[in-house]
Amino acid sequence: MTVSPLPYPLRLTGTGVILREWRWEDVDELVALLDEPGIARWTLMPSPFDMEAGLAYLRRAQQGRIGGSRIQLAITTDGGPPLGEVLLFNVRSEAHEAELGYLVGLPFRRRGLASAALSLLTGYAVDTLGLRRLLLRIDRGNTASTSVARRCGYRPAAEPPIQQDGPYGPATLDTWEFVENRSGPQDDRRKNVAARRYGRR
């Protein structure tokens, strides 16, 4: 399998959000975002998430970005402090598909940031990277995340559930998919949310 390096650096601007690269000076905000029970409940993040974990996280993010193996961007409203993260990874170029993920810090939820960020990166993946099928793996108990997926045009895929051991015990992940040219009202909403103004920094 040959995967073309993903563009770096990258900055995406949409309705209400600016997605930018992580910076080393973000480490304090990163720790505050990820050292939270709700993050630990639905992800494989270490808990507690301390400064050492934060520096290791930024190091892995930088390596993945420079190496072109993933897109991993901080969610902001103005290019400033990070409020969450959205990422694209596991690109399978021969199948024109990849996986995405997203999270928003506790103080910044219920503002539509996750939906705006996921819509923006989804649009970029389809329109600019030429990917045709995008996947999310979501714990079936995470109703907030599944609501974001639906709002952004993702639908449950016909794939068996994935069993995973998490910090709170066994977890069941369902696969959600966004398929290019699958029309519907949620896809129209995605186009409205994502302002389609893509710019590399």
Protein backbone atom coordinates (compact mmCIF):
# COMPACT_ATOMS: atom_id res chain seq x y z
CA MET A 1 0.00 0.00 0.00
CA THR A 2 1.34 3.42 -0.96
CA VAL A 3 0.07 6.41 0.97
CA SER A 4 0.93 9.88 -0.28
CA PRO A 5 2.21 12.15 2.50
CA LEU A 6 -0.53 14.33 3.90
CA PRO A 7 0.01 18.10 3.58
CA TYR A 8 1.95 19.88 6.32
CA PRO A 9 1.60 22.48 7.67
CA LEU A 10 -2.13 23.01 7.30
CA ARG A 11 -4.65 25.57 8.43
CA LEU A 12 -8.37 25.23 7.67
CA THR A 13 -10.91 27.99 8.20
CA GLY A 14 -14.64 27.35 8.35
CA THR A 15 -17.80 28.73 9.91
CA GLY A 16 -16.92 29.50 13.52
CA VAL A 17 -13.68 27.48 13.68
CA ILE A 18 -10.06 27.64 12.65
CA LEU A 19 -8.16 24.35 12.62
CA ARG A 20 -4.42 24.76 13.06
CA GLU A 21 -1.32 22.73 13.83
CA TRP A 22 -0.47 21.96 17.45
CA ARG A 23 2.34 24.03 18.97
CA TRP A 24 4.69 23.22 21.81
CA GLU A 25 3.34 26.20 23.73
CA ASP A 26 -0.09 24.52 23.72
CA VAL A 27 1.00 21.92 26.26
CA ASP A 28 -0.67 23.53 29.29
CA GLU A 29 -3.99 23.90 27.47
CA LEU A 30 -3.65 20.38 26.06
CA VAL A 31 -3.21 18.89 29.53
CA ALA A 32 -6.23 20.83 30.79
CA LEU A 33 -8.32 19.55 27.85
CA LEU A 34 -7.38 15.89 28.12
CA ASP A 35 -7.10 15.43 31.88
CA GLU A 36 -10.84 14.99 32.20
CA PRO A 37 -12.99 11.92 33.03
CA GLY A 38 -15.19 12.38 29.97
CA ILE A 39 -12.16 12.14 27.67
CA ALA A 40 -10.82 9.09 29.49
CA ARG A 41 -14.25 7.45 29.34
CA TRP A 42 -14.50 7.46 25.55
CA THR A 43 -10.87 7.35 24.39
CA LEU A 44 -7.63 5.51 25.11
CA MET A 45 -5.94 8.62 26.53
CA PRO A 46 -3.85 8.00 29.64
CA SER A 47 -5.57 9.05 32.84
CA PRO A 48 -4.55 11.12 34.66
CA PHE A 49 -3.22 13.09 31.71
CA ASP A 50 -0.27 15.04 33.08
CA MET A 51 2.50 17.24 31.69
CA GLU A 52 4.63 14.23 30.74
CA ALA A 53 1.70 12.75 28.81
CA GLY A 54 1.07 16.11 27.18
CA LEU A 55 4.64 16.47 25.93
CA ALA A 56 4.62 12.89 24.64
CA TYR A 57 1.32 13.56 22.87
CA LEU A 58 2.64 16.67 21.14
CA ARG A 59 5.81 14.81 20.17
CA ARG A 60 3.82 12.02 18.51
CA ALA A 61 1.56 14.57 16.82
CA GLN A 62 4.53 16.45 15.41
CA GLN A 63 6.16 13.26 14.16
CA GLY A 64 2.96 12.16 12.47
CA ARG A 65 2.46 15.55 10.84
CA ILE A 66 6.01 16.00 9.59
CA GLY A 67 6.01 12.40 8.35
CA GLY A 68 2.74 13.00 6.53
CA SER A 69 0.96 10.00 8.08
CA ARG A 70 -1.94 11.92 9.63
CA ILE A 71 -3.65 15.27 9.94
CA GLN A 72 -3.94 16.27 13.60
CA LEU A 73 -5.22 19.79 14.23
CA ALA A 74 -6.23 21.86 17.22
CA ILE A 75 -9.77 23.23 17.13
CA THR A 76 -9.86 26.98 17.80
CA THR A 77 -12.29 29.79 17.15
CA ASP A 78 -9.65 32.35 16.20
CA GLY A 79 -6.36 30.52 15.71
CA GLY A 80 -5.55 30.99 19.40
CA PRO A 81 -6.02 28.66 22.39
CA PRO A 82 -6.97 25.06 21.55
CA LEU A 83 -10.51 24.01 22.51
CA GLY A 84 -10.34 20.48 21.15
CA GLU A 85 -8.87 18.38 18.37
CA VAL A 86 -9.86 16.80 15.05
CA LEU A 87 -7.73 14.30 13.16
CA LEU A 88 -7.52 12.16 10.03
CA PHE A 89 -5.43 8.96 10.01
CA ASN A 90 -5.17 5.37 8.74
CA VAL A 91 -5.36 6.53 5.14
CA ARG A 92 -5.88 3.63 2.73
CA SER A 93 -5.11 5.18 -0.61
CA GLU A 94 -6.08 2.18 -2.73
CA ALA A 95 -9.56 2.28 -1.18
CA HIS A 96 -9.70 6.11 -1.10
CA GLU A 97 -10.70 6.01 2.56
CA ALA A 98 -9.45 7.09 5.97
CA GLU A 99 -10.56 7.40 9.59
CA LEU A 100 -11.36 10.59 11.48
CA GLY A 101 -11.72 11.44 15.15
CA TYR A 102 -12.61 14.46 17.25
CA LEU A 103 -12.88 15.70 20.80
CA VAL A 104 -13.76 18.97 22.54
CA GLY A 105 -12.77 20.02 26.04
CA LEU A 106 -15.46 20.04 28.71
CA PRO A 107 -15.74 23.85 29.10
CA PHE A 108 -16.26 24.29 25.34
CA ARG A 109 -18.92 21.69 24.58
CA ARG A 110 -22.45 22.40 23.35
CA ARG A 111 -21.20 25.21 21.11
CA GLY A 112 -21.21 23.25 17.86
CA LEU A 113 -17.41 23.13 17.72
CA ALA A 114 -17.15 19.37 17.14
CA SER A 115 -19.70 19.48 14.31
CA ALA A 116 -18.03 22.48 12.68
CA ALA A 117 -14.55 20.93 12.92
CA LEU A 118 -15.64 17.50 11.68
CA SER A 119 -17.57 19.07 8.79
CA LEU A 120 -14.59 21.17 7.81
CA LEU A 121 -12.09 18.32 7.84
CA THR A 122 -14.58 16.01 6.10
CA GLY A 123 -15.00 18.55 3.31
CA TYR A 124 -11.24 18.94 2.97
CA ALA A 125 -10.71 15.17 2.89
CA VAL A 126 -13.26 14.72 0.10
CA ASP A 127 -12.73 17.86 -1.95
CA THR A 128 -8.96 18.30 -1.67
CA LEU A 129 -7.51 14.91 -0.73
CA GLY A 130 -9.88 13.01 -3.01
CA LEU A 131 -11.01 10.51 -0.37
CA ARG A 132 -14.36 8.87 -1.04
CA ARG A 133 -15.19 7.06 2.20
CA LEU A 134 -14.48 8.40 5.68
CA LEU A 135 -14.91 6.36 8.85
CA LEU A 136 -15.53 7.08 12.52
CA ARG A 137 -15.19 4.48 15.29
CA ILE A 138 -17.52 5.49 18.10
CA ASP A 139 -18.36 3.80 21.39
CA ARG A 140 -22.04 3.00 21.08
CA GLY A 141 -22.65 4.51 24.50
CA ASN A 142 -21.23 7.88 23.46
CA THR A 143 -24.48 9.52 22.38
CA ALA A 144 -22.96 13.00 22.14
CA SER A 145 -20.41 11.79 19.61
CA THR A 146 -22.96 9.85 17.56
CA SER A 147 -25.12 12.98 17.43
CA VAL A 148 -22.18 14.92 15.98
CA ALA A 149 -21.61 12.16 13.43
CA ARG A 150 -25.23 12.27 12.27
CA ARG A 151 -25.25 16.06 12.01
CA CYS A 152 -22.20 15.89 9.76
CA GLY A 153 -23.68 13.36 7.34
CA TYR A 154 -22.18 10.15 8.74
CA ARG A 155 -24.31 7.00 8.95
CA PRO A 156 -23.86 3.58 10.64
CA ALA A 157 -21.82 1.30 8.38
CA ALA A 158 -22.56 -2.35 7.66
CA GLU A 159 -19.50 -3.54 9.57
CA PRO A 160 -19.29 -5.73 12.68
CA PRO A 161 -18.69 -3.93 15.98
CA ILE A 162 -15.14 -3.65 17.30
CA GLN A 163 -14.45 -4.89 20.82
CA GLN A 164 -11.88 -2.86 22.71
CA ASP A 165 -10.52 -2.76 26.25
CA GLY A 166 -10.72 0.75 27.62
CA PRO A 167 -9.92 2.41 30.95
CA TYR A 168 -13.47 1.71 32.12
CA GLY A 169 -13.53 -1.90 30.95
CA PRO A 170 -14.61 -3.52 27.65
CA ALA A 171 -16.05 -1.17 25.05
CA THR A 172 -17.95 -1.73 21.81
CA LEU A 173 -17.13 0.56 18.91
CA ASP A 174 -19.50 0.98 15.98
CA THR A 175 -18.29 2.15 12.57
CA TRP A 176 -19.90 5.21 11.01
CA GLU A 177 -19.22 6.25 7.43
CA PHE A 178 -19.40 9.26 5.17
CA VAL A 179 -19.50 8.28 1.50
CA GLU A 180 -18.85 10.81 -1.26
CA ASN A 181 -21.91 11.69 -3.38
CA ARG A 182 -24.35 10.12 -0.94
CA SER A 183 -26.91 12.90 -1.00
CA GLY A 184 -29.12 13.88 1.88
CA PRO A 185 -30.13 16.83 4.06
CA GLN A 186 -27.23 16.26 6.47
CA ASP A 187 -24.74 16.47 3.61
CA ASP A 188 -26.23 19.82 2.64
CA ARG A 189 -25.81 20.96 6.24
CA ARG A 190 -22.15 19.89 6.13
CA LYS A 191 -21.61 22.06 3.08
CA ASN A 192 -23.16 25.02 4.86
CA VAL A 193 -21.18 24.53 8.08
CA ALA A 194 -17.85 24.12 6.30
CA ALA A 195 -17.07 27.41 4.59
CA ARG A 196 -14.71 25.76 2.10
CA ARG A 197 -11.92 28.25 2.66
CA TYR A 198 -8.86 26.02 2.86
CA GLY A 199 -5.46 27.64 3.32
CA ARG A 200 -2.05 26.24 4.15
CA ARG A 201 -0.11 28.18 6.69
